[in-house]
Amino acid sequence: MTNIGFRATPDDERIIKSAMHEGENTTDVIRRALRLLDRQAWLEQARADAARLADEDLSTEPDAW
């Protein structure tokens, strides 16, 4: 496992503390934030794919089976 150093600014500390759930530590909050960033990237890609394929009409394609 890789260790990553992070020097939190006072504003970073405020955000972390405000996002902290009961029983969580700073590491838990940062991990949750990373999962949210991953989800956000996935959604952005899904939206881009949907926009790119918006004009595609699968009903005009032959069935694959």
N, C-alpha and C. Protein backbone atom coordinates (compact mmCIF):
# COMPACT_ATOMS: atom_id res chain seq x y z
N MET A 1 0.85 -1.18 0.00
CA MET A 1 0.00 0.00 0.00
C MET A 1 0.89 1.24 0.00
N THR A 2 0.52 2.22 -0.75
CA THR A 2 1.28 3.46 -0.85
C THR A 2 0.81 4.45 0.21
N ASN A 3 1.76 5.09 0.86
CA ASN A 3 1.43 6.18 1.78
C ASN A 3 1.51 7.49 1.02
N ILE A 4 0.51 8.32 1.21
CA ILE A 4 0.46 9.61 0.53
C ILE A 4 0.45 10.70 1.59
N GLY A 5 1.39 11.61 1.50
CA GLY A 5 1.44 12.73 2.43
C GLY A 5 0.48 13.83 1.99
N PHE A 6 -0.11 14.49 2.96
CA PHE A 6 -1.08 15.54 2.66
C PHE A 6 -0.97 16.60 3.75
N ARG A 7 -0.66 17.81 3.37
CA ARG A 7 -0.61 18.93 4.32
C ARG A 7 -1.90 19.72 4.18
N ALA A 8 -2.78 19.51 5.10
CA ALA A 8 -4.09 20.17 5.04
C ALA A 8 -3.97 21.64 5.42
N THR A 9 -4.65 22.46 4.65
CA THR A 9 -4.76 23.88 4.99
C THR A 9 -5.85 24.01 6.05
N PRO A 10 -5.95 25.14 6.70
CA PRO A 10 -7.05 25.32 7.65
C PRO A 10 -8.43 25.10 7.00
N ASP A 11 -8.57 25.52 5.75
CA ASP A 11 -9.85 25.31 5.06
C ASP A 11 -10.08 23.82 4.79
N ASP A 12 -9.01 23.09 4.42
CA ASP A 12 -9.13 21.64 4.23
C ASP A 12 -9.58 20.98 5.53
N GLU A 13 -8.97 21.38 6.66
CA GLU A 13 -9.33 20.81 7.96
C GLU A 13 -10.79 21.09 8.30
N ARG A 14 -11.25 22.29 7.97
CA ARG A 14 -12.65 22.64 8.23
C ARG A 14 -13.58 21.74 7.43
N ILE A 15 -13.25 21.54 6.14
CA ILE A 15 -14.08 20.70 5.28
C ILE A 15 -14.09 19.26 5.78
N ILE A 16 -12.93 18.75 6.15
CA ILE A 16 -12.84 17.37 6.65
C ILE A 16 -13.67 17.22 7.91
N LYS A 17 -13.52 18.15 8.85
CA LYS A 17 -14.28 18.05 10.11
C LYS A 17 -15.78 18.15 9.87
N SER A 18 -16.20 18.99 8.94
CA SER A 18 -17.64 19.13 8.69
C SER A 18 -18.21 17.91 7.97
N ALA A 19 -17.36 17.17 7.25
CA ALA A 19 -17.82 15.98 6.53
C ALA A 19 -17.72 14.71 7.37
N MET A 20 -17.09 14.79 8.52
CA MET A 20 -16.82 13.62 9.34
C MET A 20 -18.11 13.09 9.98
N HIS A 21 -18.32 11.78 9.80
CA HIS A 21 -19.43 11.10 10.46
C HIS A 21 -18.95 10.57 11.81
N GLU A 22 -19.89 10.28 12.69
CA GLU A 22 -19.52 9.76 14.01
C GLU A 22 -18.70 8.48 13.86
N GLY A 23 -17.59 8.44 14.56
CA GLY A 23 -16.72 7.27 14.51
C GLY A 23 -15.70 7.28 13.39
N GLU A 24 -15.76 8.28 12.52
CA GLU A 24 -14.80 8.37 11.42
C GLU A 24 -13.58 9.17 11.83
N ASN A 25 -12.47 8.86 11.18
CA ASN A 25 -11.28 9.68 11.34
C ASN A 25 -10.99 10.37 10.01
N THR A 26 -9.93 11.16 9.99
CA THR A 26 -9.59 11.92 8.79
C THR A 26 -9.38 11.02 7.59
N THR A 27 -8.71 9.90 7.79
CA THR A 27 -8.46 8.96 6.69
C THR A 27 -9.76 8.46 6.09
N ASP A 28 -10.74 8.14 6.95
CA ASP A 28 -12.03 7.66 6.46
C ASP A 28 -12.71 8.71 5.59
N VAL A 29 -12.66 9.96 6.02
CA VAL A 29 -13.29 11.05 5.26
C VAL A 29 -12.62 11.22 3.91
N ILE A 30 -11.29 11.19 3.90
CA ILE A 30 -10.57 11.35 2.63
C ILE A 30 -10.85 10.17 1.70
N ARG A 31 -10.94 8.96 2.25
CA ARG A 31 -11.29 7.80 1.41
C ARG A 31 -12.69 7.95 0.82
N ARG A 32 -13.63 8.42 1.63
CA ARG A 32 -14.98 8.64 1.13
C ARG A 32 -14.98 9.68 0.02
N ALA A 33 -14.19 10.73 0.21
CA ALA A 33 -14.09 11.79 -0.81
C ALA A 33 -13.50 11.24 -2.10
N LEU A 34 -12.50 10.37 -1.99
CA LEU A 34 -11.92 9.77 -3.19
C LEU A 34 -12.94 8.92 -3.93
N ARG A 35 -13.76 8.18 -3.19
CA ARG A 35 -14.82 7.37 -3.83
C ARG A 35 -15.82 8.27 -4.55
N LEU A 36 -16.14 9.41 -3.93
CA LEU A 36 -17.05 10.36 -4.58
C LEU A 36 -16.44 10.93 -5.86
N LEU A 37 -15.15 11.22 -5.83
CA LEU A 37 -14.48 11.71 -7.04
C LEU A 37 -14.49 10.65 -8.13
N ASP A 38 -14.28 9.40 -7.75
CA ASP A 38 -14.32 8.31 -8.72
C ASP A 38 -15.72 8.19 -9.32
N ARG A 39 -16.73 8.28 -8.49
CA ARG A 39 -18.12 8.21 -8.95
C ARG A 39 -18.43 9.39 -9.88
N GLN A 40 -17.94 10.58 -9.52
CA GLN A 40 -18.16 11.76 -10.35
C GLN A 40 -17.53 11.58 -11.73
N ALA A 41 -16.33 11.05 -11.78
CA ALA A 41 -15.66 10.80 -13.07
C ALA A 41 -16.45 9.79 -13.88
N TRP A 42 -16.96 8.75 -13.22
CA TRP A 42 -17.76 7.73 -13.92
C TRP A 42 -19.02 8.36 -14.51
N LEU A 43 -19.70 9.20 -13.72
CA LEU A 43 -20.92 9.85 -14.20
C LEU A 43 -20.62 10.79 -15.36
N GLU A 44 -19.52 11.54 -15.28
CA GLU A 44 -19.16 12.43 -16.39
C GLU A 44 -18.92 11.64 -17.66
N GLN A 45 -18.25 10.49 -17.55
CA GLN A 45 -18.00 9.65 -18.72
C GLN A 45 -19.31 9.08 -19.25
N ALA A 46 -20.20 8.66 -18.35
CA ALA A 46 -21.49 8.11 -18.78
C ALA A 46 -22.31 9.18 -19.50
N ARG A 47 -22.29 10.41 -18.99
CA ARG A 47 -23.02 11.50 -19.66
C ARG A 47 -22.43 11.80 -21.03
N ALA A 48 -21.11 11.80 -21.12
CA ALA A 48 -20.46 12.05 -22.41
C ALA A 48 -20.80 10.94 -23.40
N ASP A 49 -20.79 9.69 -22.94
CA ASP A 49 -21.16 8.57 -23.80
C ASP A 49 -22.62 8.69 -24.25
N ALA A 50 -23.50 9.05 -23.32
CA ALA A 50 -24.92 9.19 -23.66
C ALA A 50 -25.12 10.30 -24.70
N ALA A 51 -24.42 11.41 -24.53
CA ALA A 51 -24.54 12.51 -25.50
C ALA A 51 -24.02 12.08 -26.86
N ARG A 52 -22.91 11.35 -26.87
CA ARG A 52 -22.31 10.90 -28.13
C ARG A 52 -23.23 9.91 -28.85
N LEU A 53 -23.96 9.10 -28.08
CA LEU A 53 -24.81 8.06 -28.67
C LEU A 53 -26.28 8.46 -28.77
N ALA A 54 -26.59 9.71 -28.46
CA ALA A 54 -27.99 10.15 -28.41
C ALA A 54 -28.73 9.94 -29.72
N ASP A 55 -28.05 10.09 -30.84
CA ASP A 55 -28.70 9.94 -32.14
C ASP A 55 -28.71 8.51 -32.65
N GLU A 56 -28.10 7.61 -31.90
CA GLU A 56 -28.04 6.21 -32.33
C GLU A 56 -29.41 5.56 -32.14
N ASP A 57 -29.90 4.89 -33.16
CA ASP A 57 -31.21 4.22 -33.10
C ASP A 57 -30.98 2.72 -33.25
N LEU A 58 -30.98 2.03 -32.13
CA LEU A 58 -30.71 0.59 -32.16
C LEU A 58 -31.82 -0.20 -32.83
N SER A 59 -33.00 0.41 -32.97
CA SER A 59 -34.10 -0.32 -33.62
C SER A 59 -33.84 -0.53 -35.11
N THR A 60 -32.90 0.22 -35.66
CA THR A 60 -32.57 0.05 -37.08
C THR A 60 -31.45 -0.97 -37.29
N GLU A 61 -30.88 -1.46 -36.20
CA GLU A 61 -29.79 -2.44 -36.28
C GLU A 61 -30.36 -3.85 -36.26
N PRO A 62 -29.70 -4.80 -36.94
CA PRO A 62 -30.16 -6.19 -36.88
C PRO A 62 -29.95 -6.75 -35.47
N ASP A 63 -30.82 -7.67 -35.09
CA ASP A 63 -30.68 -8.32 -33.79
C ASP A 63 -29.39 -9.13 -33.75
N ALA A 64 -28.75 -9.14 -32.60
CA ALA A 64 -27.48 -9.84 -32.46
C ALA A 64 -27.68 -11.33 -32.17
N TRP A 65 -28.90 -11.74 -31.90
CA TRP A 65 -29.13 -13.15 -31.59
C TRP A 65 -29.91 -13.86 -32.64
